[in-house]
Protein backbone atom coordinates (compact mmCIF):
# COMPACT_ATOMS: atom_id res chain seq x y z
CA MET A 1 -6.44 -15.29 2.79
CA THR A 2 -9.98 -14.08 2.33
CA ARG A 3 -11.22 -12.96 -1.07
CA LEU A 4 -11.59 -9.40 0.28
CA ALA A 5 -8.01 -9.36 1.54
CA ALA A 6 -6.73 -10.71 -1.77
CA ALA A 7 -8.72 -8.11 -3.69
CA THR A 8 -7.42 -5.34 -1.42
CA ILE A 9 -3.83 -6.42 -1.95
CA ALA A 10 -4.38 -6.59 -5.71
CA VAL A 11 -5.57 -2.98 -5.58
CA ILE A 12 -2.49 -2.03 -3.55
CA LEU A 13 -0.19 -3.63 -6.07
CA ALA A 14 -2.07 -1.96 -8.92
CA ALA A 15 -1.60 1.39 -7.18
CA ALA A 16 2.11 0.70 -6.75
CA ALA A 17 2.66 -0.34 -10.36
CA PRO A 18 2.84 3.15 -11.93
CA ALA A 19 5.19 4.33 -9.22
CA LEU A 20 7.40 1.32 -9.71
CA ALA A 21 7.51 1.86 -13.45
CA ALA A 22 8.34 5.55 -13.11
CA GLY A 23 10.70 5.20 -10.17
CA GLY A 24 13.77 3.71 -11.75
CA ASN A 25 12.79 0.14 -11.00
CA SER A 26 15.92 -1.87 -11.59
CA GLY A 27 13.84 -5.03 -11.88
CA GLY A 28 12.48 -3.96 -15.25
CA GLY A 29 8.72 -4.09 -15.42
CA ASN A 30 5.77 -3.29 -13.26
CA ALA A 31 4.30 -4.92 -10.20
CA SER A 32 1.52 -7.09 -11.50
CA PRO A 33 -1.91 -6.17 -10.17
CA ALA A 34 -2.94 -9.80 -10.62
CA LYS A 35 -0.35 -10.94 -8.08
CA THR A 36 -1.08 -10.78 -4.38
CA CYS A 37 1.22 -10.85 -1.40
CA LYS A 38 0.42 -11.57 2.21
CA LYS A 39 1.39 -9.33 5.09
CA GLY A 40 5.14 -9.32 5.61
CA GLU A 41 5.86 -9.78 1.89
CA VAL A 42 6.44 -7.53 -1.11
CA TRP A 43 6.21 -8.12 -4.85
CA ASN A 44 9.55 -8.76 -6.54
CA THR A 45 9.30 -7.94 -10.24
CA GLN A 46 12.52 -9.77 -11.11
CA LYS A 47 11.47 -13.03 -9.48
CA LYS A 48 7.80 -12.46 -10.35
CA LYS A 49 6.70 -13.56 -6.91
CA CYS A 50 6.11 -12.34 -3.39
CA VAL A 51 9.18 -12.33 -1.15
CA LYS A 52 9.68 -11.74 2.56
CA VAL A 53 10.17 -8.03 3.21
CA GLN A 54 13.65 -7.22 4.42
CA SER A 55 16.32 -4.65 3.78
CA GLY A 56 17.91 -5.10 0.37
CA VAL A 57 15.29 -7.51 -0.95
CA LEU A 58 14.25 -4.87 -3.51
CA PRO A 59 15.61 -1.51 -4.59
CA ASP A 60 14.66 1.29 -2.20
CA GLU A 61 12.40 2.90 -4.81
CA ASP A 62 10.34 -0.29 -5.14
CA LEU A 63 10.05 -0.69 -1.37
CA TYR A 64 9.04 2.96 -1.01
CA ALA A 65 6.37 2.66 -3.72
CA GLN A 66 4.89 -0.47 -2.19
CA GLY A 67 5.05 0.98 1.35
CA ARG A 68 3.36 4.18 0.18
CA ALA A 69 0.62 2.20 -1.57
CA LEU A 70 0.02 0.12 1.55
CA ALA A 71 -0.18 3.26 3.70
CA ARG A 72 -2.62 4.94 1.32
CA GLU A 73 -4.80 1.81 1.36
CA GLY A 74 -4.94 1.77 5.17
CA HIS A 75 -2.53 -1.11 5.87
CA TYR A 76 -0.50 1.02 8.26
CA ASP A 77 1.51 -1.56 10.19
CA TRP A 78 2.36 -3.46 7.01
CA ALA A 79 3.41 -0.16 5.39
CA ILE A 80 5.66 0.60 8.35
CA GLU A 81 7.27 -2.83 8.01
CA VAL A 82 7.91 -2.31 4.29
CA LEU A 83 9.18 1.26 4.73
CA ALA A 84 11.47 0.14 7.57
CA SER A 85 13.21 -2.18 5.09
CA VAL A 86 14.25 0.75 2.87
CA GLN A 87 18.01 1.10 3.24
CA ASN A 88 18.01 4.92 3.06
CA GLN A 89 16.11 5.75 6.22
CA ASN A 90 16.91 9.44 5.68
CA ASP A 91 14.76 9.66 2.54
CA PRO A 92 12.16 12.31 3.45
CA ARG A 93 9.50 10.44 1.47
CA VAL A 94 10.08 7.30 3.53
CA LEU A 95 10.01 9.30 6.75
CA ASN A 96 6.83 11.04 5.63
CA TYR A 97 4.90 7.85 4.90
CA THR A 98 6.24 6.18 8.02
CA GLY A 99 4.88 9.18 9.93
CA TYR A 100 1.60 9.01 8.02
CA SER A 101 1.21 5.32 8.86
CA HIS A 102 1.93 5.86 12.55
CA ARG A 103 -0.44 8.83 12.72
CA LYS A 104 -3.25 7.00 10.97
CA ALA A 105 -2.69 3.95 13.21
CA GLY A 106 -3.26 6.16 16.25
CA ARG A 107 0.35 6.81 17.22
CA LEU A 108 0.08 10.55 16.75
CA GLU A 109 3.26 11.70 18.50
CA VAL A 110 5.37 9.09 16.73
CA GLY A 111 3.94 10.23 13.40
CA ILE A 112 4.64 13.88 14.17
CA ALA A 113 8.25 13.03 15.04
CA TYR A 114 8.72 11.39 11.64
CA TYR A 115 7.25 14.40 9.82
CA ARG A 116 9.59 16.70 11.70
CA LYS A 117 12.57 14.56 10.76
CA ALA A 118 11.50 14.59 7.08
CA LEU A 119 11.18 18.39 7.20
CA ALA A 120 14.57 18.76 8.90
CA ILE A 121 16.06 17.05 5.83
CA ASP A 122 13.83 18.79 3.26
CA PRO A 123 12.11 21.93 4.60
CA GLY A 124 10.34 22.41 1.26
CA PHE A 125 8.56 19.04 1.38
CA ASN A 126 5.00 20.32 1.35
CA LEU A 127 3.29 16.93 1.64
CA ALA A 128 5.09 16.36 4.95
CA ARG A 129 3.97 19.84 6.04
CA GLU A 130 0.38 19.03 5.12
CA TYR A 131 0.44 15.76 7.04
CA LEU A 132 2.20 17.41 9.99
CA GLY A 133 -0.55 20.04 10.02
CA GLU A 134 -3.18 17.29 10.00
CA GLY A 135 -1.37 15.67 12.91
CA TYR A 136 -1.42 18.94 14.81
CA ILE A 137 -5.16 19.24 14.16
CA ALA A 138 -5.68 15.74 15.55
CA ALA A 139 -3.67 16.80 18.61
CA GLY A 140 -5.91 19.85 19.06
CA ARG A 141 -3.20 22.32 18.01
CA VAL A 142 -4.85 24.19 15.17
CA ASP A 143 -2.43 27.07 15.82
CA LEU A 144 0.51 24.84 14.84
CA ALA A 145 -1.43 23.56 11.82
CA MET A 146 -1.92 27.19 10.75
CA ALA A 147 1.85 27.72 10.92
CA GLU A 148 2.35 24.76 8.57
CA LEU A 149 -0.33 26.15 6.24
CA LYS A 150 1.53 29.48 6.11
CA ALA A 151 4.79 27.68 5.28
CA ILE A 152 3.08 25.80 2.46
CA LYS A 153 1.63 29.06 1.16
CA ARG A 154 5.11 30.60 1.06
CA SER A 155 6.39 27.61 -0.85
CA CYS A 156 3.70 26.97 -3.46
CA GLY A 157 0.92 29.48 -2.99
CA THR A 158 -2.72 28.77 -2.29
CA SER A 159 -3.50 26.69 -5.36
CA CYS A 160 -1.29 23.67 -4.65
CA GLU A 161 -2.97 20.51 -3.44
CA GLU A 162 -1.17 20.50 -0.07
CA TYR A 163 -2.40 24.01 0.73
CA ARG A 164 -5.98 23.18 -0.30
CA GLU A 165 -6.04 19.92 1.69
CA LEU A 166 -4.62 21.38 4.89
CA SER A 167 -6.77 24.50 4.59
CA ALA A 168 -9.88 22.30 4.30
CA ALA A 169 -8.80 20.20 7.31
CA ILE A 170 -8.29 23.36 9.37
CA ALA A 171 -11.70 24.71 8.31
CA ALA A 172 -13.34 21.41 9.27
CA ALA A 173 -11.64 21.53 12.69
CA ASN A 174 -12.99 25.01 13.48
């Protein structure tokens, strides 16, 4: 593993640590930012080591937090692998970040399908609406992005982060 890859993974684990601590981590304790895992592995706080990612290897909340962190850091295929190991595949958050990872990896239609599934479960999930709107913009459908922006506005007004982010993306597209 290169030094850059190791440093990137340490940042990912550091980003996941607060979410793991706040998310009902049954392992007791945080993911250590000093520990690094290679692709296909996740940090197990109980064993204090990297383990092969698979369903049930960690509580869903830990897998979600690590998958989300990987997605946000740009490791889309690794994030998809981690999120696919979450046992509750109907968790809108998991669906959202699976969609995000597919969209950012260039699989726009696949990503959009995941956002729609997340919103079918939780129509008030504004982050999924924001990302769906961004997907529509990437697909050249600003009209559909505007519909998502209106739904976000009805839900949380114009001052919430999701409204501001999607509004800015729409403005940049025009």
